[in-house]
Amino acid sequence: MNDRLAEAREARDRYRGVRHRDEWGLEFSRIVAFSDGVFAIAITLLALTIEVPKDLPASKSVGDVLWDRRGDLIAYGVSFAVLGRLWLTHHRFFSSLERFDGALMGLNILYLAWVAMVPVTSDVLGDFGEQSTGVILYAANLLGLTTTFAISIYYSYRARLFKPQVAEMERRFAGPSTTVIAAVFALSIPVAIVSPEVATAMWLSIFLVGWRAGDIFARLRYR
Protein backbone atom coordinates (compact mmCIF):
# COMPACT_ATOMS: atom_id res chain seq x y z
CA MET A 1 0.00 0.00 0.00
CA ASN A 2 2.78 2.40 0.95
CA ASP A 3 4.69 1.54 -2.22
CA ARG A 4 1.64 2.28 -4.36
CA LEU A 5 1.07 5.57 -2.56
CA ALA A 6 4.70 6.55 -3.10
CA GLU A 7 4.47 5.65 -6.79
CA ALA A 8 1.29 7.70 -7.14
CA ARG A 9 2.95 10.71 -5.53
CA GLU A 10 5.99 10.38 -7.79
CA ALA A 11 3.73 10.24 -10.86
CA ARG A 12 1.82 13.30 -9.66
CA ASP A 13 5.04 15.19 -9.01
CA ARG A 14 6.35 14.38 -12.49
CA TYR A 15 3.08 15.62 -13.97
CA ARG A 16 3.34 18.89 -12.00
CA GLY A 17 6.99 19.33 -12.93
CA VAL A 18 8.25 19.13 -9.34
CA ARG A 19 12.02 19.41 -9.14
CA HIS A 20 14.36 18.68 -6.24
CA ARG A 21 16.57 21.63 -5.34
CA ASP A 22 19.66 19.40 -5.03
CA GLU A 23 19.19 17.99 -8.52
CA TRP A 24 18.35 21.39 -10.04
CA GLY A 25 20.70 23.47 -7.93
CA LEU A 26 21.68 25.95 -10.66
CA GLU A 27 18.08 26.69 -11.60
CA PHE A 28 17.07 27.04 -7.95
CA SER A 29 20.01 29.38 -7.27
CA ARG A 30 19.05 31.56 -10.23
CA ILE A 31 15.51 31.87 -8.90
CA VAL A 32 16.79 32.96 -5.49
CA ALA A 33 19.33 35.36 -7.04
CA PHE A 34 16.66 36.92 -9.24
CA SER A 35 14.37 37.39 -6.23
CA ASP A 36 17.17 38.98 -4.20
CA GLY A 37 17.93 41.30 -7.11
CA VAL A 38 14.34 42.53 -7.28
CA PHE A 39 14.37 43.25 -3.55
CA ALA A 40 17.72 45.06 -3.81
CA ILE A 41 16.56 47.26 -6.68
CA ALA A 42 13.24 48.04 -4.98
CA ILE A 43 14.95 49.06 -1.74
CA THR A 44 17.47 51.20 -3.64
CA LEU A 45 14.72 52.97 -5.56
CA LEU A 46 13.08 53.92 -2.26
CA ALA A 47 15.96 56.28 -1.51
CA LEU A 48 15.78 57.80 -4.99
CA THR A 49 12.21 58.95 -4.38
CA ILE A 50 13.47 61.45 -1.79
CA GLU A 51 14.27 64.66 -3.64
CA VAL A 52 16.96 66.90 -2.14
CA PRO A 53 17.14 70.47 -3.51
CA LYS A 54 20.51 71.49 -4.92
CA ASP A 55 20.12 75.11 -3.87
CA LEU A 56 18.94 75.89 -0.36
CA PRO A 57 16.55 78.87 -0.28
CA ALA A 58 17.84 81.76 1.77
CA SER A 59 14.67 81.81 3.84
CA LYS A 60 14.95 78.15 4.88
CA SER A 61 17.37 76.14 6.95
CA VAL A 62 18.34 72.50 6.43
CA GLY A 63 15.87 71.59 9.16
CA ASP A 64 13.08 73.39 7.32
CA VAL A 65 13.87 71.52 4.10
CA LEU A 66 13.88 68.18 5.89
CA TRP A 67 10.57 69.04 7.58
CA ASP A 68 9.09 69.80 4.17
CA ARG A 69 10.24 66.32 3.08
CA ARG A 70 8.88 64.58 6.19
CA GLY A 71 6.24 62.73 4.18
CA ASP A 72 8.87 61.24 1.88
CA LEU A 73 11.12 60.34 4.82
CA ILE A 74 8.29 58.61 6.70
CA ALA A 75 7.28 56.69 3.57
CA TYR A 76 10.90 55.66 3.05
CA GLY A 77 11.25 54.47 6.65
CA VAL A 78 8.04 52.45 6.56
CA SER A 79 8.75 50.92 3.16
CA PHE A 80 12.36 50.07 3.99
CA ALA A 81 11.30 48.36 7.21
CA VAL A 82 8.52 46.44 5.45
CA LEU A 83 10.68 45.32 2.51
CA GLY A 84 13.53 44.42 4.85
CA ARG A 85 11.26 42.21 6.93
CA LEU A 86 9.69 40.65 3.85
CA TRP A 87 13.11 39.90 2.38
CA LEU A 88 14.10 38.10 5.58
CA THR A 89 10.93 35.97 5.52
CA HIS A 90 11.31 35.31 1.77
CA HIS A 91 14.93 34.21 2.31
CA ARG A 92 13.89 31.90 5.15
CA PHE A 93 11.03 30.51 3.05
CA PHE A 94 13.28 29.51 0.14
CA SER A 95 15.82 28.06 2.56
CA SER A 96 13.04 25.80 3.88
CA LEU A 97 12.14 24.41 0.46
CA GLU A 98 13.26 20.95 -0.55
CA ARG A 99 11.54 21.01 -3.92
CA PHE A 100 9.83 23.50 -6.23
CA ASP A 101 7.43 23.44 -9.16
CA GLY A 102 5.95 25.69 -11.82
CA ALA A 103 3.01 26.81 -9.72
CA LEU A 104 5.26 28.01 -6.92
CA MET A 105 7.50 29.84 -9.38
CA GLY A 106 4.42 31.54 -10.83
CA LEU A 107 3.42 32.67 -7.34
CA ASN A 108 6.95 33.93 -6.76
CA ILE A 109 6.88 36.00 -9.95
CA LEU A 110 3.56 37.52 -8.88
CA TYR A 111 5.04 38.22 -5.45
CA LEU A 112 8.04 39.99 -7.00
CA ALA A 113 5.70 42.05 -9.20
CA TRP A 114 4.14 43.43 -6.00
CA VAL A 115 7.63 44.05 -4.56
CA ALA A 116 8.66 46.03 -7.65
CA MET A 117 5.60 48.28 -7.21
CA VAL A 118 6.50 49.32 -3.66
CA PRO A 119 8.80 52.22 -4.67
CA VAL A 120 5.98 53.63 -6.82
CA THR A 121 3.28 53.42 -4.16
CA SER A 122 5.79 54.58 -1.52
CA ASP A 123 6.45 57.70 -3.60
CA VAL A 124 2.71 58.35 -3.80
CA LEU A 125 2.43 57.81 -0.05
CA GLY A 126 5.21 60.33 0.56
CA ASP A 127 3.53 62.98 -1.59
CA PHE A 128 -0.09 62.27 -0.66
CA GLY A 129 0.13 60.50 2.70
CA GLU A 130 -2.42 62.90 4.17
CA GLN A 131 -5.02 61.82 1.64
CA SER A 132 -7.01 58.61 1.77
CA THR A 133 -6.22 57.65 -1.83
CA GLY A 134 -2.45 57.67 -1.30
CA VAL A 135 -2.72 55.52 1.84
CA ILE A 136 -5.19 53.10 0.23
CA LEU A 137 -2.98 52.62 -2.82
CA TYR A 138 0.02 51.76 -0.65
CA ALA A 139 -2.01 49.44 1.60
CA ALA A 140 -3.46 47.65 -1.46
CA ASN A 141 0.06 47.08 -2.79
CA LEU A 142 1.24 45.57 0.49
CA LEU A 143 -1.98 43.57 0.83
CA GLY A 144 -1.39 41.96 -2.57
CA LEU A 145 2.23 41.28 -1.66
CA THR A 146 1.61 39.65 1.71
CA THR A 147 -1.43 37.71 0.50
CA THR A 148 0.57 36.22 -2.37
CA PHE A 149 3.29 35.17 0.06
CA ALA A 150 0.78 33.58 2.44
CA ILE A 151 -0.69 31.60 -0.46
CA SER A 152 2.84 30.48 -1.41
CA ILE A 153 3.43 29.15 2.11
CA TYR A 154 0.16 27.22 2.31
CA TYR A 155 0.55 25.89 -1.24
CA SER A 156 4.08 24.67 -0.52
CA TYR A 157 2.86 22.84 2.56
CA ARG A 158 -0.01 21.13 0.75
CA ALA A 159 2.21 20.26 -2.22
CA ARG A 160 4.89 18.81 0.10
CA LEU A 161 7.58 21.15 -1.15
CA PHE A 162 9.06 21.94 2.26
CA LYS A 163 11.83 19.99 3.93
CA PRO A 164 10.09 17.45 6.21
CA GLN A 165 11.74 18.79 9.36
CA VAL A 166 10.41 22.33 8.86
CA ALA A 167 7.08 21.74 7.09
CA GLU A 168 4.97 21.76 10.25
CA MET A 169 6.70 24.88 11.54
CA GLU A 170 5.91 26.72 8.30
CA ARG A 171 2.25 25.76 8.58
CA ARG A 172 1.87 26.61 12.25
CA PHE A 173 4.02 29.74 12.46
CA ALA A 174 5.00 31.34 9.14
CA GLY A 175 1.60 30.92 7.50
CA PRO A 176 -0.48 32.48 10.32
CA SER A 177 2.08 35.26 10.85
CA THR A 178 1.94 36.30 7.19
CA THR A 179 -1.86 36.06 7.23
CA VAL A 180 -2.05 38.46 10.19
CA ILE A 181 0.19 40.96 8.38
CA ALA A 182 -2.04 40.77 5.30
CA ALA A 183 -5.10 41.29 7.52
CA VAL A 184 -3.58 44.46 9.02
CA PHE A 185 -3.11 45.98 5.56
CA ALA A 186 -6.62 44.88 4.54
CA LEU A 187 -8.19 46.47 7.61
CA SER A 188 -6.22 49.68 7.11
CA ILE A 189 -7.92 50.29 3.75
CA PRO A 190 -11.41 51.10 5.11
CA VAL A 191 -9.81 52.90 8.07
CA ALA A 192 -7.91 55.14 5.65
CA ILE A 193 -11.19 56.44 4.27
CA VAL A 194 -11.93 57.93 7.69
CA SER A 195 -8.41 58.67 8.94
CA PRO A 196 -5.25 58.20 6.86
CA GLU A 197 -3.14 58.84 9.97
CA VAL A 198 -4.73 55.99 11.93
CA ALA A 199 -4.35 53.64 8.97
CA THR A 200 -0.66 54.46 8.76
CA ALA A 201 -0.28 53.88 12.50
CA MET A 202 -1.86 50.44 12.09
CA TRP A 203 1.05 49.38 9.90
CA LEU A 204 3.39 49.92 12.85
CA SER A 205 1.55 47.14 14.67
CA ILE A 206 3.09 44.73 12.18
CA PHE A 207 6.44 45.11 13.90
CA LEU A 208 4.88 44.83 17.35
CA VAL A 209 2.52 41.91 16.69
CA GLY A 210 3.54 40.37 13.37
CA TRP A 211 6.67 38.70 14.71
CA ARG A 212 4.65 36.92 17.40
CA ALA A 213 1.49 36.21 15.41
CA GLY A 214 2.44 32.68 14.39
CA ASP A 215 3.32 31.77 17.98
CA ILE A 216 0.02 33.18 19.24
CA PHE A 217 -2.02 31.26 16.65
CA ALA A 218 -0.16 28.04 17.36
CA ARG A 219 -0.75 28.28 21.13
CA LEU A 220 -4.45 28.98 20.67
CA ARG A 221 -4.80 26.02 18.31
CA TYR A 222 -2.79 23.47 20.28
CA ARG A 223 -3.98 24.18 23.82
Foldseek 3Di string as FASTA:
>chain_A
DVVVVVVVLVVVCVVQAKDFCVVVVVVLVVLLVVLVVLLVVLLVLLVVLQDDDPDDDPVDDPVRRVVVQVLSVVLNVLLNVVSVVVNVLVVVVSVFFRIDGDVLSVLSVQLSVLSNCSSVLSSLCSVPLFALVSLLVNLVSVLSNLVSVLVSLVVCLVSVGGDVVCSVVSVQAVNQLSVVLSVLSVVLNVVSNVGSVVSVVSNVVCVVPSNCRSVVRNVVVPD
